C-alpha atoms as a PDB file:
ATOM      1  CA  MET A   1      22.646  38.413 -15.091  1.00  0.00           C
ATOM      2  CA  ASN A   2      22.043  34.794 -16.119  1.00  0.00           C
ATOM      3  CA  TYR A   3      21.861  33.914 -19.793  1.00  0.00           C
ATOM      4  CA  ALA A   4      19.699  31.145 -21.251  1.00  0.00           C
ATOM      5  CA  LYS A   5      21.539  27.914 -21.950  1.00  0.00           C
ATOM      6  CA  LYS A   6      20.541  26.173 -25.143  1.00  0.00           C
ATOM      7  CA  SER A   7      21.733  22.818 -23.811  1.00  0.00           C
ATOM      8  CA  LEU A   8      19.075  23.016 -21.073  1.00  0.00           C
ATOM      9  CA  GLY A   9      16.312  24.167 -23.422  1.00  0.00           C
ATOM     10  CA  GLN A  10      15.976  27.465 -21.556  1.00  0.00           C
ATOM     11  CA  ASN A  11      13.683  30.242 -22.783  1.00  0.00           C
ATOM     12  CA  PHE A  12      12.869  32.746 -20.052  1.00  0.00           C
ATOM     13  CA  LEU A  13       9.305  34.026 -19.872  1.00  0.00           C
ATOM     14  CA  LYS A  14       9.385  37.834 -19.753  1.00  0.00           C
ATOM     15  CA  ASP A  15       5.842  39.001 -20.589  1.00  0.00           C
ATOM     16  CA  LYS A  16       4.231  40.195 -17.349  1.00  0.00           C
ATOM     17  CA  ASN A  17       0.694  39.963 -18.733  1.00  0.00           C
ATOM     18  CA  ILE A  18       1.166  36.270 -19.550  1.00  0.00           C
ATOM     19  CA  ILE A  19       2.747  35.670 -16.135  1.00  0.00           C
ATOM     20  CA  LYS A  20      -0.277  37.234 -14.430  1.00  0.00           C
ATOM     21  CA  LYS A  21      -2.639  35.294 -16.667  1.00  0.00           C
ATOM     22  CA  ILE A  22      -0.984  32.035 -15.559  1.00  0.00           C
ATOM     23  CA  THR A  23      -1.140  32.817 -11.847  1.00  0.00           C
ATOM     24  CA  ASN A  24      -4.753  33.997 -12.163  1.00  0.00           C
ATOM     25  CA  LEU A  25      -5.931  30.651 -13.545  1.00  0.00           C
ATOM     26  CA  LEU A  26      -6.750  29.503 -10.013  1.00  0.00           C
ATOM     27  CA  ASN A  27      -6.497  30.652  -6.413  1.00  0.00           C
ATOM     28  CA  LEU A  28      -2.935  30.230  -5.079  1.00  0.00           C
ATOM     29  CA  GLU A  29      -3.537  31.831  -1.695  1.00  0.00           C
ATOM     30  CA  ASN A  30      -2.641  29.569   1.241  1.00  0.00           C
ATOM     31  CA  LYS A  31      -1.763  26.729  -1.154  1.00  0.00           C
ATOM     32  CA  ASN A  32       1.329  24.543  -1.341  1.00  0.00           C
ATOM     33  CA  ILE A  33       3.127  25.345  -4.587  1.00  0.00           C
ATOM     34  CA  ILE A  34       5.845  23.496  -6.482  1.00  0.00           C
ATOM     35  CA  GLU A  35       7.445  25.283  -9.425  1.00  0.00           C
ATOM     36  CA  ILE A  36       9.550  23.369 -11.927  1.00  0.00           C
ATOM     37  CA  GLY A  37      12.284  25.287 -13.736  1.00  0.00           C
ATOM     38  CA  PRO A  38      11.824  28.797 -12.298  1.00  0.00           C
ATOM     39  CA  GLY A  39      14.617  30.261 -14.434  1.00  0.00           C
ATOM     40  CA  ASN A  40      15.153  33.898 -13.440  1.00  0.00           C
ATOM     41  CA  GLY A  41      12.163  33.838 -11.108  1.00  0.00           C
ATOM     42  CA  ALA A  42       9.700  35.871 -13.198  1.00  0.00           C
ATOM     43  CA  LEU A  43       6.816  33.474 -12.499  1.00  0.00           C
ATOM     44  CA  THR A  44       8.046  32.877  -8.944  1.00  0.00           C
ATOM     45  CA  ASP A  45       7.776  36.589  -8.150  1.00  0.00           C
ATOM     46  CA  GLU A  46       4.120  36.605  -9.181  1.00  0.00           C
ATOM     47  CA  ILE A  47       3.378  33.396  -7.243  1.00  0.00           C
ATOM     48  CA  ILE A  48       4.793  34.998  -4.088  1.00  0.00           C
ATOM     49  CA  LYS A  49       2.376  37.943  -4.487  1.00  0.00           C
ATOM     50  CA  LYS A  50      -0.518  35.453  -4.237  1.00  0.00           C
ATOM     51  CA  ASN A  51       0.434  34.558  -0.634  1.00  0.00           C
ATOM     52  CA  PRO A  52       0.791  30.781  -0.915  1.00  0.00           C
ATOM     53  CA  ARG A  53       1.309  28.671   2.192  1.00  0.00           C
ATOM     54  CA  SER A  54       4.610  27.309   0.887  1.00  0.00           C
ATOM     55  CA  ILE A  55       6.726  27.420  -2.263  1.00  0.00           C
ATOM     56  CA  LYS A  56       9.211  24.777  -3.371  1.00  0.00           C
ATOM     57  CA  VAL A  57      11.165  25.320  -6.583  1.00  0.00           C
ATOM     58  CA  ILE A  58      13.344  22.866  -8.503  1.00  0.00           C
ATOM     59  CA  GLU A  59      16.115  24.303 -10.691  1.00  0.00           C
ATOM     60  CA  LYS A  60      18.779  22.208 -12.425  1.00  0.00           C
ATOM     61  CA  ASP A  61      21.017  25.097 -13.555  1.00  0.00           C
ATOM     62  CA  TYR A  62      23.467  25.792 -10.726  1.00  0.00           C
ATOM     63  CA  ASP A  63      24.017  29.433 -11.740  1.00  0.00           C
ATOM     64  CA  LEU A  64      20.284  30.091 -11.634  1.00  0.00           C
ATOM     65  CA  PHE A  65      20.012  28.142  -8.388  1.00  0.00           C
ATOM     66  CA  LYS A  66      22.567  30.436  -6.721  1.00  0.00           C
ATOM     67  CA  THR A  67      20.829  33.559  -8.020  1.00  0.00           C
ATOM     68  CA  LEU A  68      17.410  32.397  -6.821  1.00  0.00           C
ATOM     69  CA  LYS A  69      18.756  31.283  -3.465  1.00  0.00           C
ATOM     70  CA  ASN A  70      20.211  34.745  -2.830  1.00  0.00           C
ATOM     71  CA  LYS A  71      17.083  36.460  -4.127  1.00  0.00           C
ATOM     72  CA  TYR A  72      14.656  34.580  -1.869  1.00  0.00           C
ATOM     73  CA  ASN A  73      16.840  33.706   1.119  1.00  0.00           C
ATOM     74  CA  LYS A  74      14.760  35.809   3.539  1.00  0.00           C
ATOM     75  CA  LEU A  75      11.428  34.313   2.553  1.00  0.00           C
ATOM     76  CA  LYS A  76       9.745  31.984   5.016  1.00  0.00           C
ATOM     77  CA  ASN A  77       8.262  28.721   3.766  1.00  0.00           C
ATOM     78  CA  PHE A  78      10.423  28.906   0.633  1.00  0.00           C
ATOM     79  CA  LYS A  79      12.685  26.024  -0.372  1.00  0.00           C
ATOM     80  CA  ILE A  80      14.849  25.691  -3.473  1.00  0.00           C
ATOM     81  CA  TYR A  81      16.353  22.443  -4.789  1.00  0.00           C
ATOM     82  CA  ASN A  82      19.291  22.296  -7.196  1.00  0.00           C
ATOM     83  CA  ASN A  83      18.199  19.106  -8.932  1.00  0.00           C
ATOM     84  CA  ASP A  84      17.358  17.618 -12.296  1.00  0.00           C
ATOM     85  CA  ILE A  85      13.565  17.187 -12.159  1.00  0.00           C
ATOM     86  CA  LEU A  86      13.808  13.919 -14.120  1.00  0.00           C
ATOM     87  CA  LYS A  87      16.000  12.398 -11.393  1.00  0.00           C
ATOM     88  CA  PHE A  88      14.331  14.113  -8.449  1.00  0.00           C
ATOM     89  CA  ASP A  89      11.800  12.274  -6.270  1.00  0.00           C
ATOM     90  CA  ILE A  90       8.992  14.819  -6.284  1.00  0.00           C
ATOM     91  CA  ASN A  91       6.926  12.624  -3.952  1.00  0.00           C
ATOM     92  CA  LYS A  92       9.289  13.589  -1.109  1.00  0.00           C
ATOM     93  CA  ILE A  93       8.252  17.245  -1.220  1.00  0.00           C
ATOM     94  CA  ILE A  94       4.635  17.016  -2.283  1.00  0.00           C
ATOM     95  CA  GLU A  95       1.866  17.634   0.228  1.00  0.00           C
ATOM     96  CA  ASN A  96      -1.870  17.112   0.105  1.00  0.00           C
ATOM     97  CA  LYS A  97      -3.532  19.183  -2.609  1.00  0.00           C
ATOM     98  CA  THR A  98      -0.330  20.661  -4.012  1.00  0.00           C
ATOM     99  CA  ILE A  99      -0.370  22.860  -7.123  1.00  0.00           C
ATOM    100  CA  ILE A 100       2.470  22.357  -9.606  1.00  0.00           C
ATOM    101  CA  LEU A 101       3.450  25.062 -12.101  1.00  0.00           C
ATOM    102  CA  GLY A 102       6.171  25.157 -14.694  1.00  0.00           C
ATOM    103  CA  ASN A 103       7.375  26.823 -17.856  1.00  0.00           C
ATOM    104  CA  LEU A 104       8.920  23.558 -19.014  1.00  0.00           C
ATOM    105  CA  PRO A 105      12.112  23.243 -21.074  1.00  0.00           C
ATOM    106  CA  TYR A 106      10.996  22.132 -24.536  1.00  0.00           C
ATOM    107  CA  ASN A 107      13.575  19.346 -24.760  1.00  0.00           C
ATOM    108  CA  ILE A 108      12.294  17.397 -21.731  1.00  0.00           C
ATOM    109  CA  SER A 109       8.695  18.587 -21.333  1.00  0.00           C
ATOM    110  CA  SER A 110       7.109  15.291 -22.427  1.00  0.00           C
ATOM    111  CA  GLN A 111       9.261  13.425 -19.886  1.00  0.00           C
ATOM    112  CA  ILE A 112       8.212  15.843 -17.130  1.00  0.00           C
ATOM    113  CA  PHE A 113       4.582  15.290 -18.088  1.00  0.00           C
ATOM    114  CA  ILE A 114       5.035  11.492 -17.832  1.00  0.00           C
ATOM    115  CA  LYS A 115       6.727  11.942 -14.455  1.00  0.00           C
ATOM    116  CA  THR A 116       3.733  13.977 -13.256  1.00  0.00           C
ATOM    117  CA  LEU A 117       1.426  11.102 -14.217  1.00  0.00           C
ATOM    118  CA  LYS A 118       3.403   8.841 -11.897  1.00  0.00           C
ATOM    119  CA  ILE A 119       3.034  10.957  -8.741  1.00  0.00           C
ATOM    120  CA  SER A 120       1.849   8.703  -5.948  1.00  0.00           C
ATOM    121  CA  LYS A 121      -1.767   9.068  -4.757  1.00  0.00           C
ATOM    122  CA  LEU A 122      -2.288  11.536  -7.576  1.00  0.00           C
ATOM    123  CA  ARG A 123      -5.920  12.439  -6.848  1.00  0.00           C
ATOM    124  CA  PHE A 124      -5.155  13.227  -3.206  1.00  0.00           C
ATOM    125  CA  ASN A 125      -1.726  14.857  -3.545  1.00  0.00           C
ATOM    126  CA  LEU A 126      -2.409  17.115  -6.517  1.00  0.00           C
ATOM    127  CA  GLU A 127      -5.013  19.842  -6.718  1.00  0.00           C
ATOM    128  CA  ALA A 128      -3.940  21.171 -10.102  1.00  0.00           C
ATOM    129  CA  VAL A 129      -1.118  21.394 -12.629  1.00  0.00           C
ATOM    130  CA  ILE A 130      -0.287  24.343 -14.875  1.00  0.00           C
ATOM    131  CA  TYR A 131       2.388  23.606 -17.461  1.00  0.00           C
ATOM    132  CA  MET A 132       3.596  25.516 -20.476  1.00  0.00           C
ATOM    133  CA  PHE A 133       4.504  23.246 -23.390  1.00  0.00           C
ATOM    134  CA  GLN A 134       5.612  23.733 -26.938  1.00  0.00           C
ATOM    135  CA  LYS A 135       2.290  24.199 -28.790  1.00  0.00           C
ATOM    136  CA  GLU A 136       2.610  21.055 -30.907  1.00  0.00           C
ATOM    137  CA  LEU A 137       3.309  18.838 -27.901  1.00  0.00           C
ATOM    138  CA  GLY A 138       0.595  20.444 -25.767  1.00  0.00           C
ATOM    139  CA  GLU A 139      -2.000  19.771 -28.455  1.00  0.00           C
ATOM    140  CA  LYS A 140      -0.954  16.111 -28.592  1.00  0.00           C
ATOM    141  CA  ILE A 141      -1.364  15.774 -24.826  1.00  0.00           C
ATOM    142  CA  ILE A 142      -4.899  17.191 -24.588  1.00  0.00           C
ATOM    143  CA  SER A 143      -6.321  16.018 -27.923  1.00  0.00           C
ATOM    144  CA  LYS A 144      -9.507  13.987 -27.927  1.00  0.00           C
ATOM    145  CA  PHE A 145     -10.375  10.854 -29.874  1.00  0.00           C
ATOM    146  CA  PRO A 146     -10.712  10.973 -32.829  1.00  0.00           C
ATOM    147  CA  SER A 147      -8.489  13.820 -33.984  1.00  0.00           C
ATOM    148  CA  PRO A 148      -5.229  14.258 -35.924  1.00  0.00           C
ATOM    149  CA  ASN A 149      -3.221  14.886 -32.730  1.00  0.00           C
ATOM    150  CA  TYR A 150      -4.647  11.917 -30.820  1.00  0.00           C
ATOM    151  CA  GLY A 151      -2.002   9.405 -29.725  1.00  0.00           C
ATOM    152  CA  ARG A 152       0.007   7.954 -26.846  1.00  0.00           C
ATOM    153  CA  LEU A 153       0.208  11.101 -24.754  1.00  0.00           C
ATOM    154  CA  SER A 154      -3.497  11.897 -25.021  1.00  0.00           C
ATOM    155  CA  ILE A 155      -4.371   8.315 -23.977  1.00  0.00           C
ATOM    156  CA  LEU A 156      -2.189   8.702 -20.882  1.00  0.00           C
ATOM    157  CA  PHE A 157      -3.564  12.185 -20.140  1.00  0.00           C
ATOM    158  CA  ASN A 158      -7.183  11.089 -20.483  1.00  0.00           C
ATOM    159  CA  LEU A 159      -6.727   8.328 -17.902  1.00  0.00           C
ATOM    160  CA  LYS A 160      -5.570  10.644 -15.123  1.00  0.00           C
ATOM    161  CA  PHE A 161      -6.508  14.252 -15.892  1.00  0.00           C
ATOM    162  CA  ASP A 162      -9.260  16.640 -16.952  1.00  0.00           C
ATOM    163  CA  LEU A 163      -8.531  19.744 -19.008  1.00  0.00           C
ATOM    164  CA  ARG A 164      -9.659  22.992 -17.357  1.00  0.00           C
ATOM    165  CA  LYS A 165      -8.265  25.814 -19.470  1.00  0.00           C
ATOM    166  CA  LYS A 166      -5.652  26.476 -22.127  1.00  0.00           C
ATOM    167  CA  PHE A 167      -4.242  29.472 -23.986  1.00  0.00           C
ATOM    168  CA  LEU A 168      -1.555  30.180 -26.553  1.00  0.00           C
ATOM    169  CA  VAL A 169       1.604  32.168 -25.824  1.00  0.00           C
ATOM    170  CA  SER A 170       3.499  33.993 -28.556  1.00  0.00           C
ATOM    171  CA  SER A 171       7.213  33.397 -29.003  1.00  0.00           C
ATOM    172  CA  ASN A 172       7.646  37.164 -28.470  1.00  0.00           C
ATOM    173  CA  CYS A 173       6.939  36.625 -24.765  1.00  0.00           C
ATOM    174  CA  PHE A 174      10.303  34.884 -24.202  1.00  0.00           C
ATOM    175  CA  PHE A 175      13.986  35.638 -24.167  1.00  0.00           C
ATOM    176  CA  PRO A 176      15.638  34.271 -26.173  1.00  0.00           C
ATOM    177  CA  LYS A 177      12.762  34.077 -28.621  1.00  0.00           C
ATOM    178  CA  PRO A 178      11.939  30.458 -29.548  1.00  0.00           C
ATOM    179  CA  LYS A 179      10.933  29.453 -33.058  1.00  0.00           C
ATOM    180  CA  VAL A 180       7.587  28.048 -31.936  1.00  0.00           C
ATOM    181  CA  LYS A 181       4.476  29.116 -30.036  1.00  0.00           C
ATOM    182  CA  SER A 182       3.744  27.757 -26.581  1.00  0.00           C
ATOM    183  CA  LEU A 183       0.584  26.434 -24.988  1.00  0.00           C
ATOM    184  CA  VAL A 184      -0.347  26.875 -21.323  1.00  0.00           C
ATOM    185  CA  ILE A 185      -2.490  23.991 -20.061  1.00  0.00           C
ATOM    186  CA  TYR A 186      -4.305  23.987 -16.733  1.00  0.00           C
ATOM    187  CA  PHE A 187      -5.438  20.503 -15.748  1.00  0.00           C
ATOM    188  CA  THR A 188      -6.675  18.669 -12.672  1.00  0.00           C
ATOM    189  CA  PRO A 189      -6.716  15.012 -11.542  1.00  0.00           C
ATOM    190  CA  LYS A 190      -9.905  13.140 -12.360  1.00  0.00           C
ATOM    191  CA  SER A 191     -12.246  12.960  -9.386  1.00  0.00           C
ATOM    192  CA  GLU A 192     -12.624   9.195  -9.737  1.00  0.00           C
ATOM    193  CA  ASP A 193     -10.378   6.330 -10.788  1.00  0.00           C
ATOM    194  CA  PHE A 194     -12.794   4.906 -13.355  1.00  0.00           C
ATOM    195  CA  TYR A 195     -10.569   2.190 -14.817  1.00  0.00           C
ATOM    196  CA  LYS A 196      -8.567   1.207 -11.722  1.00  0.00           C
ATOM    197  CA  ILE A 197      -5.373   0.515 -13.624  1.00  0.00           C
ATOM    198  CA  LYS A 198      -2.723  -0.555 -11.121  1.00  0.00           C
ATOM    199  CA  SER A 199       0.305   0.948 -12.858  1.00  0.00           C
ATOM    200  CA  ILE A 200       0.604   3.741 -15.397  1.00  0.00           C
ATOM    201  CA  GLU A 201       3.817   2.007 -16.563  1.00  0.00           C
ATOM    202  CA  ASN A 202       1.718  -0.855 -17.957  1.00  0.00           C
ATOM    203  CA  LEU A 203      -0.391   1.517 -20.032  1.00  0.00           C
ATOM    204  CA  GLU A 204       2.777   3.298 -21.116  1.00  0.00           C
ATOM    205  CA  LYS A 205       4.284  -0.017 -22.264  1.00  0.00           C
ATOM    206  CA  ILE A 206       1.178  -0.995 -24.246  1.00  0.00           C
ATOM    207  CA  THR A 207       0.905   2.341 -26.029  1.00  0.00           C
ATOM    208  CA  ASN A 208       4.635   2.254 -26.795  1.00  0.00           C
ATOM    209  CA  ILE A 209       4.312  -1.151 -28.457  1.00  0.00           C
ATOM    210  CA  LEU A 210       1.184  -0.388 -30.479  1.00  0.00           C
ATOM    211  CA  PHE A 211       2.232   3.101 -31.550  1.00  0.00           C
ATOM    212  CA  SER A 212       5.728   1.946 -32.539  1.00  0.00           C
ATOM    213  CA  ASN A 213       4.199   1.331 -35.996  1.00  0.00           C
ATOM    214  CA  LYS A 214       1.419   3.877 -35.861  1.00  0.00           C
ATOM    215  CA  ARG A 215       0.713   3.793 -39.602  1.00  0.00           C
ATOM    216  CA  LYS A 216       0.262   0.013 -39.641  1.00  0.00           C
ATOM    217  CA  MET A 217      -2.567  -2.206 -38.454  1.00  0.00           C
ATOM    218  CA  ILE A 218      -2.332  -3.454 -34.868  1.00  0.00           C
ATOM    219  CA  ASN A 219      -2.660  -7.153 -35.784  1.00  0.00           C
ATOM    220  CA  LYS A 220       1.095  -7.857 -35.655  1.00  0.00           C
ATOM    221  CA  ASN A 221       1.885  -5.829 -32.535  1.00  0.00           C
ATOM    222  CA  ILE A 222      -1.135  -6.875 -30.455  1.00  0.00           C
ATOM    223  CA  ILE A 223       0.208 -10.445 -30.199  1.00  0.00           C
ATOM    224  CA  LYS A 224       3.271  -9.056 -28.414  1.00  0.00           C
ATOM    225  CA  ILE A 225       0.886  -8.048 -25.613  1.00  0.00           C
ATOM    226  CA  LEU A 226      -2.082 -10.452 -25.610  1.00  0.00           C
ATOM    227  CA  ASN A 227      -2.682 -14.100 -26.474  1.00  0.00           C
ATOM    228  CA  LYS A 228      -5.616 -15.227 -28.625  1.00  0.00           C
ATOM    229  CA  LYS A 229      -7.871 -15.932 -25.627  1.00  0.00           C
ATOM    230  CA  GLU A 230      -7.278 -12.439 -24.241  1.00  0.00           C
ATOM    231  CA  ILE A 231      -7.937 -10.866 -27.640  1.00  0.00           C
ATOM    232  CA  ASP A 232     -11.237 -12.764 -27.759  1.00  0.00           C
ATOM    233  CA  ILE A 233     -12.160 -11.358 -24.320  1.00  0.00           C
ATOM    234  CA  LEU A 234     -11.967  -7.859 -25.804  1.00  0.00           C
ATOM    235  CA  GLY A 235     -14.814  -8.820 -28.098  1.00  0.00           C
ATOM    236  CA  ASN A 236     -15.121  -7.018 -31.398  1.00  0.00           C
ATOM    237  CA  LEU A 237     -11.676  -5.373 -31.488  1.00  0.00           C
ATOM    238  CA  ASN A 238     -10.877  -4.854 -35.154  1.00  0.00           C
ATOM    239  CA  LEU A 239      -7.256  -5.948 -35.628  1.00  0.00           C
ATOM    240  CA  LYS A 240      -7.112  -4.143 -38.977  1.00  0.00           C
ATOM    241  CA  LEU A 241      -7.337  -0.763 -37.245  1.00  0.00           C
ATOM    242  CA  ARG A 242      -4.337   1.489 -36.813  1.00  0.00           C
ATOM    243  CA  PRO A 243      -3.373   2.568 -33.257  1.00  0.00           C
ATOM    244  CA  ALA A 244      -4.816   6.087 -33.661  1.00  0.00           C
ATOM    245  CA  ASP A 245      -8.174   4.599 -34.744  1.00  0.00           C
ATOM    246  CA  ILE A 246      -8.719   2.929 -31.362  1.00  0.00           C
ATOM    247  CA  GLU A 247     -10.421   4.850 -28.554  1.00  0.00           C
ATOM    248  CA  PRO A 248      -8.672   5.286 -25.168  1.00  0.00           C
ATOM    249  CA  GLN A 249     -11.073   2.953 -23.333  1.00  0.00           C
ATOM    250  CA  ILE A 250      -9.793  -0.018 -25.371  1.00  0.00           C
ATOM    251  CA  TYR A 251      -6.207   0.721 -24.297  1.00  0.00           C
ATOM    252  CA  TYR A 252      -7.370   0.830 -20.674  1.00  0.00           C
ATOM    253  CA  LYS A 253      -9.150  -2.528 -21.074  1.00  0.00           C
ATOM    254  CA  ILE A 254      -6.019  -4.083 -22.595  1.00  0.00           C
ATOM    255  CA  THR A 255      -3.984  -2.787 -19.655  1.00  0.00           C
ATOM    256  CA  LYS A 256      -6.398  -4.278 -17.131  1.00  0.00           C
ATOM    257  CA  LEU A 257      -6.199  -7.617 -18.959  1.00  0.00           C
ATOM    258  CA  ILE A 258      -2.425  -7.825 -18.732  1.00  0.00           C
ATOM    259  CA  GLU A 259      -2.492  -6.724 -15.090  1.00  0.00           C
ATOM    260  CA  LYS A 260      -4.659  -9.737 -14.268  1.00  0.00           C
END
């Protein structure tokens, strides 16, 4: 038996009803599936029952990797990678219209989300993503403008993805039991690239700079990004606003300006 390792942020999902609810969010039959952090394989077992075309799982913990490899070694179209997802080139294993699932480790879930945003040819290579986050983080990612949770992550999310469904998961559904609730989010790539930003890294950089002092007005930080002429191009941007008071579309316009 494998025990959860605190250093890796492991909390194993054990509630079968929640597992079924996750896999029933969309049709997995004959689809290419990537699962991040399968743990003991509780979600993997249910995915297999849905008859996907292929399953690829990425597990950093070597003990879990060995267990899973032995458990599924007779399955066709099943591949397991003993890798750190943050260092792994997911583009090498992704196929057209892949579905990614993951009960993400709390300590690196925001980084995994950012990595997902950077998947090449996102609209063509991804059909859907189902991630389980810590509730507080999940709400920040999907929050709309204006709202208390609106910020950097929701600006990035809104550029690339649409929310489909979400539901809360009690801490009682895990072993060991975490101190917080979780949030399952099912999202899909936007059907069109409305803003045609060349690099998500540029938007990431801009939001990092402006939200570095999120309680202060943007007037001092905006000059780190744009010159006076470029600020004038934006028109009636109020430099006395705080970062969370500015709608996502303005951040996208700023990004397009610096990319020119």
